[in-house]
Amino acid sequence: MTIPGWNDPADEERHPRRAAERRNARGELEARLRERRVALFGDESDEDVVDIINAIEEFEAGVSRAGGDGFVNTRESSEPDDQRLVLPARGEDEHVQRYVARVREAADRLG
């Protein structure tokens, strides 16, 4: 999901509702990440949040293609069916692009 002009201050100035719409969209994306227990540290840009969401969607599509169960294969599960199907955790000081790369690598390994 690429959003052109997602965070264009000039566009927001011309269209004051854009800032509110952007904040609402970001809030929804952050809620989706919290549901998946993905750590956010507060310094992520809007583009970073979108990059994380995109990588996770790729990973989840790979899990689905592999026949994995998203409820069983979680970090919280005491016995995941297959550890490869568990979304990688983001490290405490892990830069967004490094995390995105690791999630995409995990997705690629799923085929």
PDB file of N, CA and C in Angstrom:
ATOM      1  N   MET A   1       0.855  -1.165   0.000  1.00  0.00           N
ATOM      2  CA  MET A   1       0.000   0.000   0.000  1.00  0.00           C
ATOM      3  C   MET A   1       0.903   1.231   0.000  1.00  0.00           C
ATOM      4  N   THR A   2       0.946   1.944  -1.092  1.00  0.00           N
ATOM      5  CA  THR A   2       1.690   3.179  -1.195  1.00  0.00           C
ATOM      6  C   THR A   2       0.691   4.317  -1.255  1.00  0.00           C
ATOM      7  N   ILE A   3       0.932   5.327  -0.444  1.00  0.00           N
ATOM      8  CA  ILE A   3      -0.012   6.432  -0.367  1.00  0.00           C
ATOM      9  C   ILE A   3       0.696   7.702  -0.824  1.00  0.00           C
ATOM     10  N   PRO A   4       0.491   8.119  -2.099  1.00  0.00           N
ATOM     11  CA  PRO A   4       1.146   9.329  -2.572  1.00  0.00           C
ATOM     12  C   PRO A   4       0.614  10.540  -1.823  1.00  0.00           C
ATOM     13  N   GLY A   5       1.515  11.447  -1.447  1.00  0.00           N
ATOM     14  CA  GLY A   5       1.113  12.656  -0.742  1.00  0.00           C
ATOM     15  C   GLY A   5       0.607  12.375   0.661  1.00  0.00           C
ATOM     16  N   TRP A   6       0.942  11.224   1.188  1.00  0.00           N
ATOM     17  CA  TRP A   6       0.471  10.790   2.503  1.00  0.00           C
ATOM     18  C   TRP A   6       0.770  11.837   3.561  1.00  0.00           C
ATOM     19  N   ASN A   7       1.909  12.445   3.492  1.00  0.00           N
ATOM     20  CA  ASN A   7       2.315  13.360   4.548  1.00  0.00           C
ATOM     21  C   ASN A   7       2.880  14.635   3.927  1.00  0.00           C
ATOM     22  N   ASP A   8       2.113  15.241   3.046  1.00  0.00           N
ATOM     23  CA  ASP A   8       2.546  16.437   2.336  1.00  0.00           C
ATOM     24  C   ASP A   8       2.011  17.665   3.063  1.00  0.00           C
ATOM     25  N   PRO A   9       2.865  18.410   3.776  1.00  0.00           N
ATOM     26  CA  PRO A   9       2.406  19.569   4.542  1.00  0.00           C
ATOM     27  C   PRO A   9       1.687  20.605   3.677  1.00  0.00           C
ATOM     28  N   ALA A  10       2.128  20.800   2.448  1.00  0.00           N
ATOM     29  CA  ALA A  10       1.477  21.781   1.571  1.00  0.00           C
ATOM     30  C   ALA A  10       0.045  21.350   1.262  1.00  0.00           C
ATOM     31  N   ASP A  11      -0.142  20.056   1.031  1.00  0.00           N
ATOM     32  CA  ASP A  11      -1.478  19.545   0.761  1.00  0.00           C
ATOM     33  C   ASP A  11      -2.369  19.692   1.987  1.00  0.00           C
ATOM     34  N   GLU A  12      -1.812  19.424   3.157  1.00  0.00           N
ATOM     35  CA  GLU A  12      -2.584  19.558   4.393  1.00  0.00           C
ATOM     36  C   GLU A  12      -2.957  21.014   4.655  1.00  0.00           C
ATOM     37  N   GLU A  13      -2.088  21.929   4.260  1.00  0.00           N
ATOM     38  CA  GLU A  13      -2.380  23.358   4.426  1.00  0.00           C
ATOM     39  C   GLU A  13      -3.528  23.782   3.513  1.00  0.00           C
ATOM     40  N   ARG A  14      -3.524  23.278   2.292  1.00  0.00           N
ATOM     41  CA  ARG A  14      -4.602  23.603   1.347  1.00  0.00           C
ATOM     42  C   ARG A  14      -5.916  22.919   1.725  1.00  0.00           C
ATOM     43  N   HIS A  15      -5.800  21.772   2.366  1.00  0.00           N
ATOM     44  CA  HIS A  15      -6.974  20.974   2.734  1.00  0.00           C
ATOM     45  C   HIS A  15      -6.856  20.616   4.216  1.00  0.00           C
ATOM     46  N   PRO A  16      -7.341  21.483   5.112  1.00  0.00           N
ATOM     47  CA  PRO A  16      -7.138  21.289   6.553  1.00  0.00           C
ATOM     48  C   PRO A  16      -7.643  19.948   7.092  1.00  0.00           C
ATOM     49  N   ARG A  17      -8.618  19.370   6.457  1.00  0.00           N
ATOM     50  CA  ARG A  17      -9.122  18.081   6.945  1.00  0.00           C
ATOM     51  C   ARG A  17      -8.128  16.949   6.708  1.00  0.00           C
ATOM     52  N   ARG A  18      -7.186  17.158   5.811  1.00  0.00           N
ATOM     53  CA  ARG A  18      -6.206  16.110   5.495  1.00  0.00           C
ATOM     54  C   ARG A  18      -5.419  15.682   6.730  1.00  0.00           C
ATOM     55  N   ALA A  19      -5.021  16.656   7.548  1.00  0.00           N
ATOM     56  CA  ALA A  19      -4.232  16.322   8.740  1.00  0.00           C
ATOM     57  C   ALA A  19      -5.024  15.405   9.660  1.00  0.00           C
ATOM     58  N   ALA A  20      -6.286  15.703   9.862  1.00  0.00           N
ATOM     59  CA  ALA A  20      -7.134  14.862  10.710  1.00  0.00           C
ATOM     60  C   ALA A  20      -7.320  13.485  10.081  1.00  0.00           C
ATOM     61  N   GLU A  21      -7.520  13.444   8.769  1.00  0.00           N
ATOM     62  CA  GLU A  21      -7.672  12.163   8.076  1.00  0.00           C
ATOM     63  C   GLU A  21      -6.398  11.330   8.199  1.00  0.00           C
ATOM     64  N   ARG A  22      -5.251  11.988   8.060  1.00  0.00           N
ATOM     65  CA  ARG A  22      -3.971  11.288   8.164  1.00  0.00           C
ATOM     66  C   ARG A  22      -3.781  10.745   9.574  1.00  0.00           C
ATOM     67  N   ARG A  23      -4.095  11.552  10.589  1.00  0.00           N
ATOM     68  CA  ARG A  23      -3.962  11.084  11.969  1.00  0.00           C
ATOM     69  C   ARG A  23      -4.884   9.889  12.226  1.00  0.00           C
ATOM     70  N   ASN A  24      -6.105   9.958  11.706  1.00  0.00           N
ATOM     71  CA  ASN A  24      -7.037   8.841  11.888  1.00  0.00           C
ATOM     72  C   ASN A  24      -6.532   7.579  11.198  1.00  0.00           C
ATOM     73  N   ALA A  25      -6.027   7.729   9.971  1.00  0.00           N
ATOM     74  CA  ALA A  25      -5.498   6.573   9.232  1.00  0.00           C
ATOM     75  C   ALA A  25      -4.304   5.980   9.971  1.00  0.00           C
ATOM     76  N   ARG A  26      -3.424   6.841  10.451  1.00  0.00           N
ATOM     77  CA  ARG A  26      -2.257   6.346  11.184  1.00  0.00           C
ATOM     78  C   ARG A  26      -2.703   5.631  12.458  1.00  0.00           C
ATOM     79  N   GLY A  27      -3.682   6.192  13.142  1.00  0.00           N
ATOM     80  CA  GLY A  27      -4.190   5.547  14.350  1.00  0.00           C
ATOM     81  C   GLY A  27      -4.724   4.154  14.071  1.00  0.00           C
ATOM     82  N   GLU A  28      -5.420   4.000  12.953  1.00  0.00           N
ATOM     83  CA  GLU A  28      -5.938   2.685  12.575  1.00  0.00           C
ATOM     84  C   GLU A  28      -4.803   1.709  12.269  1.00  0.00           C
ATOM     85  N   LEU A  29      -3.783   2.192  11.564  1.00  0.00           N
ATOM     86  CA  LEU A  29      -2.645   1.325  11.242  1.00  0.00           C
ATOM     87  C   LEU A  29      -1.896   0.929  12.515  1.00  0.00           C
ATOM     88  N   GLU A  30      -1.695   1.881  13.416  1.00  0.00           N
ATOM     89  CA  GLU A  30      -1.012   1.571  14.671  1.00  0.00           C
ATOM     90  C   GLU A  30      -1.816   0.568  15.492  1.00  0.00           C
ATOM     91  N   ALA A  31      -3.142   0.683  15.469  1.00  0.00           N
ATOM     92  CA  ALA A  31      -3.984  -0.279  16.189  1.00  0.00           C
ATOM     93  C   ALA A  31      -3.800  -1.680  15.613  1.00  0.00           C
ATOM     94  N   ARG A  32      -3.707  -1.772  14.286  1.00  0.00           N
ATOM     95  CA  ARG A  32      -3.475  -3.074  13.653  1.00  0.00           C
ATOM     96  C   ARG A  32      -2.137  -3.662  14.093  1.00  0.00           C
ATOM     97  N   LEU A  33      -1.126  -2.801  14.233  1.00  0.00           N
ATOM     98  CA  LEU A  33       0.189  -3.270  14.683  1.00  0.00           C
ATOM     99  C   LEU A  33       0.139  -3.702  16.143  1.00  0.00           C
ATOM    100  N   ARG A  34      -0.561  -2.951  16.972  1.00  0.00           N
ATOM    101  CA  ARG A  34      -0.684  -3.338  18.382  1.00  0.00           C
ATOM    102  C   ARG A  34      -1.397  -4.687  18.511  1.00  0.00           C
ATOM    103  N   GLU A  35      -2.418  -4.916  17.679  1.00  0.00           N
ATOM    104  CA  GLU A  35      -3.118  -6.210  17.696  1.00  0.00           C
ATOM    105  C   GLU A  35      -2.159  -7.357  17.407  1.00  0.00           C
ATOM    106  N   ARG A  36      -1.160  -7.089  16.596  1.00  0.00           N
ATOM    107  CA  ARG A  36      -0.177  -8.119  16.221  1.00  0.00           C
ATOM    108  C   ARG A  36       1.031  -8.090  17.156  1.00  0.00           C
ATOM    109  N   ARG A  37       0.950  -7.287  18.186  1.00  0.00           N
ATOM    110  CA  ARG A  37       2.014  -7.161  19.195  1.00  0.00           C
ATOM    111  C   ARG A  37       3.339  -6.690  18.596  1.00  0.00           C
ATOM    112  N   VAL A  38       3.256  -5.773  17.620  1.00  0.00           N
ATOM    113  CA  VAL A  38       4.454  -5.193  17.019  1.00  0.00           C
ATOM    114  C   VAL A  38       4.800  -3.926  17.798  1.00  0.00           C
ATOM    115  N   ALA A  39       6.018  -3.863  18.291  1.00  0.00           N
ATOM    116  CA  ALA A  39       6.452  -2.726  19.100  1.00  0.00           C
ATOM    117  C   ALA A  39       6.601  -1.469  18.244  1.00  0.00           C
ATOM    118  N   LEU A  40       6.051  -0.375  18.742  1.00  0.00           N
ATOM    119  CA  LEU A  40       6.256   0.954  18.167  1.00  0.00           C
ATOM    120  C   LEU A  40       6.863   1.813  19.263  1.00  0.00           C
ATOM    121  N   PHE A  41       7.860   2.599  18.896  1.00  0.00           N
ATOM    122  CA  PHE A  41       8.602   3.360  19.895  1.00  0.00           C
ATOM    123  C   PHE A  41       8.308   4.853  19.868  1.00  0.00           C
ATOM    124  N   GLY A  42       7.454   5.295  18.924  1.00  0.00           N
ATOM    125  CA  GLY A  42       7.060   6.692  18.880  1.00  0.00           C
ATOM    126  C   GLY A  42       7.871   7.555  17.937  1.00  0.00           C
ATOM    127  N   ASP A  43       8.969   7.018  17.419  1.00  0.00           N
ATOM    128  CA  ASP A  43       9.777   7.813  16.501  1.00  0.00           C
ATOM    129  C   ASP A  43       9.573   7.394  15.047  1.00  0.00           C
ATOM    130  N   GLU A  44       8.603   6.517  14.799  1.00  0.00           N
ATOM    131  CA  GLU A  44       8.324   6.055  13.442  1.00  0.00           C
ATOM    132  C   GLU A  44       7.579   7.141  12.663  1.00  0.00           C
ATOM    133  N   SER A  45       8.003   7.335  11.426  1.00  0.00           N
ATOM    134  CA  SER A  45       7.296   8.265  10.546  1.00  0.00           C
ATOM    135  C   SER A  45       6.044   7.575  10.020  1.00  0.00           C
ATOM    136  N   ASP A  46       5.183   8.351   9.385  1.00  0.00           N
ATOM    137  CA  ASP A  46       3.998   7.759   8.754  1.00  0.00           C
ATOM    138  C   ASP A  46       4.418   6.694   7.749  1.00  0.00           C
ATOM    139  N   GLU A  47       5.458   6.996   6.970  1.00  0.00           N
ATOM    140  CA  GLU A  47       5.934   6.050   5.963  1.00  0.00           C
ATOM    141  C   GLU A  47       6.471   4.780   6.608  1.00  0.00           C
ATOM    142  N   ASP A  48       7.122   4.927   7.775  1.00  0.00           N
ATOM    143  CA  ASP A  48       7.617   3.753   8.491  1.00  0.00           C
ATOM    144  C   ASP A  48       6.463   2.833   8.881  1.00  0.00           C
ATOM    145  N   VAL A  49       5.393   3.422   9.396  1.00  0.00           N
ATOM    146  CA  VAL A  49       4.235   2.632   9.811  1.00  0.00           C
ATOM    147  C   VAL A  49       3.649   1.894   8.614  1.00  0.00           C
ATOM    148  N   VAL A  50       3.543   2.567   7.486  1.00  0.00           N
ATOM    149  CA  VAL A  50       3.020   1.927   6.269  1.00  0.00           C
ATOM    150  C   VAL A  50       3.967   0.808   5.819  1.00  0.00           C
ATOM    151  N   ASP A  51       5.275   1.035   5.890  1.00  0.00           N
ATOM    152  CA  ASP A  51       6.237  -0.007   5.507  1.00  0.00           C
ATOM    153  C   ASP A  51       6.086  -1.251   6.380  1.00  0.00           C
ATOM    154  N   ILE A  52       5.904  -1.045   7.682  1.00  0.00           N
ATOM    155  CA  ILE A  52       5.736  -2.187   8.591  1.00  0.00           C
ATOM    156  C   ILE A  52       4.461  -2.951   8.241  1.00  0.00           C
ATOM    157  N   ILE A  53       3.372  -2.215   8.044  1.00  0.00           N
ATOM    158  CA  ILE A  53       2.093  -2.850   7.687  1.00  0.00           C
ATOM    159  C   ILE A  53       2.249  -3.664   6.405  1.00  0.00           C
ATOM    160  N   ASN A  54       2.884  -3.084   5.392  1.00  0.00           N
ATOM    161  CA  ASN A  54       3.062  -3.787   4.116  1.00  0.00           C
ATOM    162  C   ASN A  54       3.857  -5.078   4.298  1.00  0.00           C
ATOM    163  N   ALA A  55       4.939  -5.007   5.073  1.00  0.00           N
ATOM    164  CA  ALA A  55       5.764  -6.194   5.296  1.00  0.00           C
ATOM    165  C   ALA A  55       4.969  -7.265   6.032  1.00  0.00           C
ATOM    166  N   ILE A  56       4.186  -6.865   7.020  1.00  0.00           N
ATOM    167  CA  ILE A  56       3.394  -7.833   7.778  1.00  0.00           C
ATOM    168  C   ILE A  56       2.327  -8.462   6.900  1.00  0.00           C
ATOM    169  N   GLU A  57       1.718  -7.666   6.034  1.00  0.00           N
ATOM    170  CA  GLU A  57       0.721  -8.228   5.117  1.00  0.00           C
ATOM    171  C   GLU A  57       1.357  -9.258   4.186  1.00  0.00           C
ATOM    172  N   GLU A  58       2.591  -9.006   3.731  1.00  0.00           N
ATOM    173  CA  GLU A  58       3.309  -9.979   2.902  1.00  0.00           C
ATOM    174  C   GLU A  58       3.550 -11.264   3.695  1.00  0.00           C
ATOM    175  N   PHE A  59       3.979 -11.094   4.952  1.00  0.00           N
ATOM    176  CA  PHE A  59       4.237 -12.255   5.797  1.00  0.00           C
ATOM    177  C   PHE A  59       2.949 -13.043   6.018  1.00  0.00           C
ATOM    178  N   GLU A  60       1.872 -12.361   6.347  1.00  0.00           N
ATOM    179  CA  GLU A  60       0.603 -13.037   6.607  1.00  0.00           C
ATOM    180  C   GLU A  60       0.079 -13.748   5.357  1.00  0.00           C
ATOM    181  N   ALA A  61       0.314 -13.167   4.194  1.00  0.00           N
ATOM    182  CA  ALA A  61      -0.079 -13.846   2.952  1.00  0.00           C
ATOM    183  C   ALA A  61       0.723 -15.136   2.790  1.00  0.00           C
ATOM    184  N   GLY A  62       2.013 -15.092   3.132  1.00  0.00           N
ATOM    185  CA  GLY A  62       2.840 -16.292   3.073  1.00  0.00           C
ATOM    186  C   GLY A  62       2.373 -17.354   4.053  1.00  0.00           C
ATOM    187  N   VAL A  63       1.990 -16.935   5.242  1.00  0.00           N
ATOM    188  CA  VAL A  63       1.468 -17.869   6.241  1.00  0.00           C
ATOM    189  C   VAL A  63       0.205 -18.532   5.704  1.00  0.00           C
ATOM    190  N   SER A  64      -0.651 -17.729   5.108  1.00  0.00           N
ATOM    191  CA  SER A  64      -1.901 -18.250   4.551  1.00  0.00           C
ATOM    192  C   SER A  64      -1.623 -19.262   3.433  1.00  0.00           C
ATOM    193  N   ARG A  65      -0.693 -18.917   2.528  1.00  0.00           N
ATOM    194  CA  ARG A  65      -0.347 -19.839   1.433  1.00  0.00           C
ATOM    195  C   ARG A  65       0.222 -21.147   1.975  1.00  0.00           C
ATOM    196  N   ALA A  66       0.930 -21.049   3.110  1.00  0.00           N
ATOM    197  CA  ALA A  66       1.533 -22.246   3.714  1.00  0.00           C
ATOM    198  C   ALA A  66       0.516 -23.040   4.532  1.00  0.00           C
ATOM    199  N   GLY A  67      -0.716 -22.539   4.603  1.00  0.00           N
ATOM    200  CA  GLY A  67      -1.755 -23.249   5.340  1.00  0.00           C
ATOM    201  C   GLY A  67      -1.678 -23.045   6.835  1.00  0.00           C
ATOM    202  N   GLY A  68      -0.993 -21.992   7.256  1.00  0.00           N
ATOM    203  CA  GLY A  68      -0.824 -21.740   8.681  1.00  0.00           C
ATOM    204  C   GLY A  68      -2.053 -21.134   9.327  1.00  0.00           C
ATOM    205  N   ASP A  69      -2.174 -21.362  10.611  1.00  0.00           N
ATOM    206  CA  ASP A  69      -3.264 -20.841  11.419  1.00  0.00           C
ATOM    207  C   ASP A  69      -2.752 -19.628  12.186  1.00  0.00           C
ATOM    208  N   GLY A  70      -3.318 -18.448  11.888  1.00  0.00           N
ATOM    209  CA  GLY A  70      -2.885 -17.212  12.532  1.00  0.00           C
ATOM    210  C   GLY A  70      -3.184 -17.133  14.011  1.00  0.00           C
ATOM    211  N   PHE A  71      -4.065 -17.997  14.515  1.00  0.00           N
ATOM    212  CA  PHE A  71      -4.390 -17.975  15.934  1.00  0.00           C
ATOM    213  C   PHE A  71      -3.456 -18.872  16.735  1.00  0.00           C
ATOM    214  N   VAL A  72      -2.962 -19.917  16.118  1.00  0.00           N
ATOM    215  CA  VAL A  72      -2.085 -20.852  16.807  1.00  0.00           C
ATOM    216  C   VAL A  72      -0.628 -20.411  16.707  1.00  0.00           C
ATOM    217  N   ASN A  73      -0.254 -19.875  15.576  1.00  0.00           N
ATOM    218  CA  ASN A  73       1.141 -19.514  15.318  1.00  0.00           C
ATOM    219  C   ASN A  73       1.408 -18.064  15.698  1.00  0.00           C
ATOM    220  N   THR A  74       1.391 -17.809  17.005  1.00  0.00           N
ATOM    221  CA  THR A  74       1.677 -16.471  17.515  1.00  0.00           C
ATOM    222  C   THR A  74       2.784 -16.568  18.552  1.00  0.00           C
ATOM    223  N   ARG A  75       3.399 -15.444  18.852  1.00  0.00           N
ATOM    224  CA  ARG A  75       4.432 -15.435  19.893  1.00  0.00           C
ATOM    225  C   ARG A  75       3.842 -15.796  21.252  1.00  0.00           C
ATOM    226  N   GLU A  76       2.552 -15.525  21.440  1.00  0.00           N
ATOM    227  CA  GLU A  76       1.909 -15.799  22.720  1.00  0.00           C
ATOM    228  C   GLU A  76       1.545 -17.272  22.884  1.00  0.00           C
ATOM    229  N   SER A  77       1.518 -18.001  21.778  1.00  0.00           N
ATOM    230  CA  SER A  77       1.138 -19.413  21.824  1.00  0.00           C
ATOM    231  C   SER A  77       2.215 -20.223  22.535  1.00  0.00           C
ATOM    232  N   SER A  78       1.770 -21.121  23.423  1.00  0.00           N
ATOM    233  CA  SER A  78       2.743 -21.967  24.124  1.00  0.00           C
ATOM    234  C   SER A  78       3.319 -23.029  23.195  1.00  0.00           C
ATOM    235  N   GLU A  79       2.563 -23.393  22.160  1.00  0.00           N
ATOM    236  CA  GLU A  79       3.026 -24.402  21.214  1.00  0.00           C
ATOM    237  C   GLU A  79       2.594 -24.073  19.798  1.00  0.00           C
ATOM    238  N   PRO A  80       3.313 -23.157  19.121  1.00  0.00           N
ATOM    239  CA  PRO A  80       2.959 -22.877  17.723  1.00  0.00           C
ATOM    240  C   PRO A  80       3.150 -24.139  16.873  1.00  0.00           C
ATOM    241  N   ASP A  81       2.298 -24.293  15.854  1.00  0.00           N
ATOM    242  CA  ASP A  81       2.417 -25.431  14.938  1.00  0.00           C
ATOM    243  C   ASP A  81       3.769 -25.436  14.245  1.00  0.00           C
ATOM    244  N   ASP A  82       4.202 -24.254  13.840  1.00  0.00           N
ATOM    245  CA  ASP A  82       5.434 -24.124  13.062  1.00  0.00           C
ATOM    246  C   ASP A  82       6.037 -22.754  13.359  1.00  0.00           C
ATOM    247  N   GLN A  83       7.190 -22.726  13.947  1.00  0.00           N
ATOM    248  CA  GLN A  83       7.835 -21.466  14.350  1.00  0.00           C
ATOM    249  C   GLN A  83       8.057 -20.530  13.156  1.00  0.00           C
ATOM    250  N   ARG A  84       8.220 -21.092  11.951  1.00  0.00           N
ATOM    251  CA  ARG A  84       8.412 -20.258  10.760  1.00  0.00           C
ATOM    252  C   ARG A  84       7.193 -19.384  10.484  1.00  0.00           C
ATOM    253  N   LEU A  85       6.032 -19.785  10.993  1.00  0.00           N
ATOM    254  CA  LEU A  85       4.782 -19.089  10.727  1.00  0.00           C
ATOM    255  C   LEU A  85       4.454 -18.032  11.780  1.00  0.00           C
ATOM    256  N   VAL A  86       5.379 -17.826  12.709  1.00  0.00           N
ATOM    257  CA  VAL A  86       5.190 -16.834  13.762  1.00  0.00           C
ATOM    258  C   VAL A  86       5.840 -15.523  13.323  1.00  0.00           C
ATOM    259  N   LEU A  87       5.072 -14.443  13.369  1.00  0.00           N
ATOM    260  CA  LEU A  87       5.587 -13.122  12.990  1.00  0.00           C
ATOM    261  C   LEU A  87       6.787 -12.770  13.852  1.00  0.00           C
ATOM    262  N   PRO A  88       7.913 -12.401  13.230  1.00  0.00           N
ATOM    263  CA  PRO A  88       9.082 -12.017  14.021  1.00  0.00           C
ATOM    264  C   PRO A  88       8.780 -10.821  14.921  1.00  0.00           C
ATOM    265  N   ALA A  89       9.357 -10.845  16.110  1.00  0.00           N
ATOM    266  CA  ALA A  89       9.217  -9.724  17.047  1.00  0.00           C
ATOM    267  C   ALA A  89      10.196  -8.623  16.656  1.00  0.00           C
ATOM    268  N   ARG A  90       9.826  -7.394  16.924  1.00  0.00           N
ATOM    269  CA  ARG A  90      10.730  -6.267  16.688  1.00  0.00           C
ATOM    270  C   ARG A  90      11.555  -6.052  17.945  1.00  0.00           C
ATOM    271  N   GLY A  91      12.861  -5.962  17.757  1.00  0.00           N
ATOM    272  CA  GLY A  91      13.768  -5.740  18.875  1.00  0.00           C
ATOM    273  C   GLY A  91      13.607  -4.351  19.483  1.00  0.00           C
ATOM    274  N   GLU A  92      14.011  -4.228  20.738  1.00  0.00           N
ATOM    275  CA  GLU A  92      13.836  -2.967  21.478  1.00  0.00           C
ATOM    276  C   GLU A  92      14.449  -1.759  20.791  1.00  0.00           C
ATOM    277  N   ASP A  93      15.590  -1.941  20.175  1.00  0.00           N
ATOM    278  CA  ASP A  93      16.253  -0.806  19.533  1.00  0.00           C
ATOM    279  C   ASP A  93      16.400  -1.028  18.022  1.00  0.00           C
ATOM    280  N   GLU A  94      15.531  -1.871  17.480  1.00  0.00           N
ATOM    281  CA  GLU A  94      15.624  -2.225  16.069  1.00  0.00           C
ATOM    282  C   GLU A  94      15.026  -1.134  15.183  1.00  0.00           C
ATOM    283  N   HIS A  95      15.816  -0.667  14.240  1.00  0.00           N
ATOM    284  CA  HIS A  95      15.359   0.350  13.287  1.00  0.00           C
ATOM    285  C   HIS A  95      14.253  -0.241  12.414  1.00  0.00           C
ATOM    286  N   VAL A  96      13.313   0.597  12.033  1.00  0.00           N
ATOM    287  CA  VAL A  96      12.160   0.155  11.252  1.00  0.00           C
ATOM    288  C   VAL A  96      12.583  -0.611  10.013  1.00  0.00           C
ATOM    289  N   GLN A  97      13.508  -0.064   9.240  1.00  0.00           N
ATOM    290  CA  GLN A  97      13.870  -0.715   7.969  1.00  0.00           C
ATOM    291  C   GLN A  97      14.536  -2.061   8.196  1.00  0.00           C
ATOM    292  N   ARG A  98      15.255  -2.222   9.291  1.00  0.00           N
ATOM    293  CA  ARG A  98      15.842  -3.538   9.602  1.00  0.00           C
ATOM    294  C   ARG A  98      14.733  -4.532   9.936  1.00  0.00           C
ATOM    295  N   TYR A  99      13.751  -4.094  10.723  1.00  0.00           N
ATOM    296  CA  TYR A  99      12.631  -4.966  11.069  1.00  0.00           C
ATOM    297  C   TYR A  99      11.836  -5.347   9.817  1.00  0.00           C
ATOM    298  N   VAL A 100      11.553  -4.356   8.988  1.00  0.00           N
ATOM    299  CA  VAL A 100      10.816  -4.608   7.745  1.00  0.00           C
ATOM    300  C   VAL A 100      11.573  -5.636   6.900  1.00  0.00           C
ATOM    301  N   ALA A 101      12.876  -5.496   6.799  1.00  0.00           N
ATOM    302  CA  ALA A 101      13.680  -6.440   6.020  1.00  0.00           C
ATOM    303  C   ALA A 101      13.584  -7.845   6.611  1.00  0.00           C
ATOM    304  N   ARG A 102      13.639  -7.969   7.938  1.00  0.00           N
ATOM    305  CA  ARG A 102      13.544  -9.295   8.564  1.00  0.00           C
ATOM    306  C   ARG A 102      12.182  -9.939   8.335  1.00  0.00           C
ATOM    307  N   VAL A 103      11.124  -9.123   8.406  1.00  0.00           N
ATOM    308  CA  VAL A 103       9.778  -9.665   8.179  1.00  0.00           C
ATOM    309  C   VAL A 103       9.645 -10.122   6.728  1.00  0.00           C
ATOM    310  N   ARG A 104      10.174  -9.327   5.802  1.00  0.00           N
ATOM    311  CA  ARG A 104      10.108  -9.713   4.387  1.00  0.00           C
ATOM    312  C   ARG A 104      10.941 -10.963   4.105  1.00  0.00           C
ATOM    313  N   GLU A 105      12.097 -11.084   4.754  1.00  0.00           N
ATOM    314  CA  GLU A 105      12.907 -12.285   4.600  1.00  0.00           C
ATOM    315  C   GLU A 105      12.150 -13.499   5.099  1.00  0.00           C
ATOM    316  N   ALA A 106      11.459 -13.352   6.234  1.00  0.00           N
ATOM    317  CA  ALA A 106      10.651 -14.463   6.777  1.00  0.00           C
ATOM    318  C   ALA A 106       9.522 -14.813   5.809  1.00  0.00           C
ATOM    319  N   ALA A 107       8.928 -13.808   5.198  1.00  0.00           N
ATOM    320  CA  ALA A 107       7.854 -14.039   4.211  1.00  0.00           C
ATOM    321  C   ALA A 107       8.411 -14.778   2.992  1.00  0.00           C
ATOM    322  N   ASP A 108       9.583 -14.364   2.541  1.00  0.00           N
ATOM    323  CA  ASP A 108      10.209 -15.012   1.387  1.00  0.00           C
ATOM    324  C   ASP A 108      10.514 -16.491   1.662  1.00  0.00           C
ATOM    325  N   ARG A 109      10.928 -16.795   2.878  1.00  0.00           N
ATOM    326  CA  ARG A 109      11.219 -18.182   3.221  1.00  0.00           C
ATOM    327  C   ARG A 109       9.966 -19.058   3.196  1.00  0.00           C
ATOM    328  N   LEU A 110       8.798 -18.431   3.371  1.00  0.00           N
ATOM    329  CA  LEU A 110       7.541 -19.183   3.340  1.00  0.00           C
ATOM    330  C   LEU A 110       7.108 -19.499   1.907  1.00  0.00           C
ATOM    331  N   GLY A 111       7.679 -18.755   0.962  1.00  0.00           N
ATOM    332  CA  GLY A 111       7.372 -19.014  -0.454  1.00  0.00           C
ATOM    333  C   GLY A 111       6.255 -18.216  -1.000  1.00  0.00           C
TER     334      GLY A 111
END
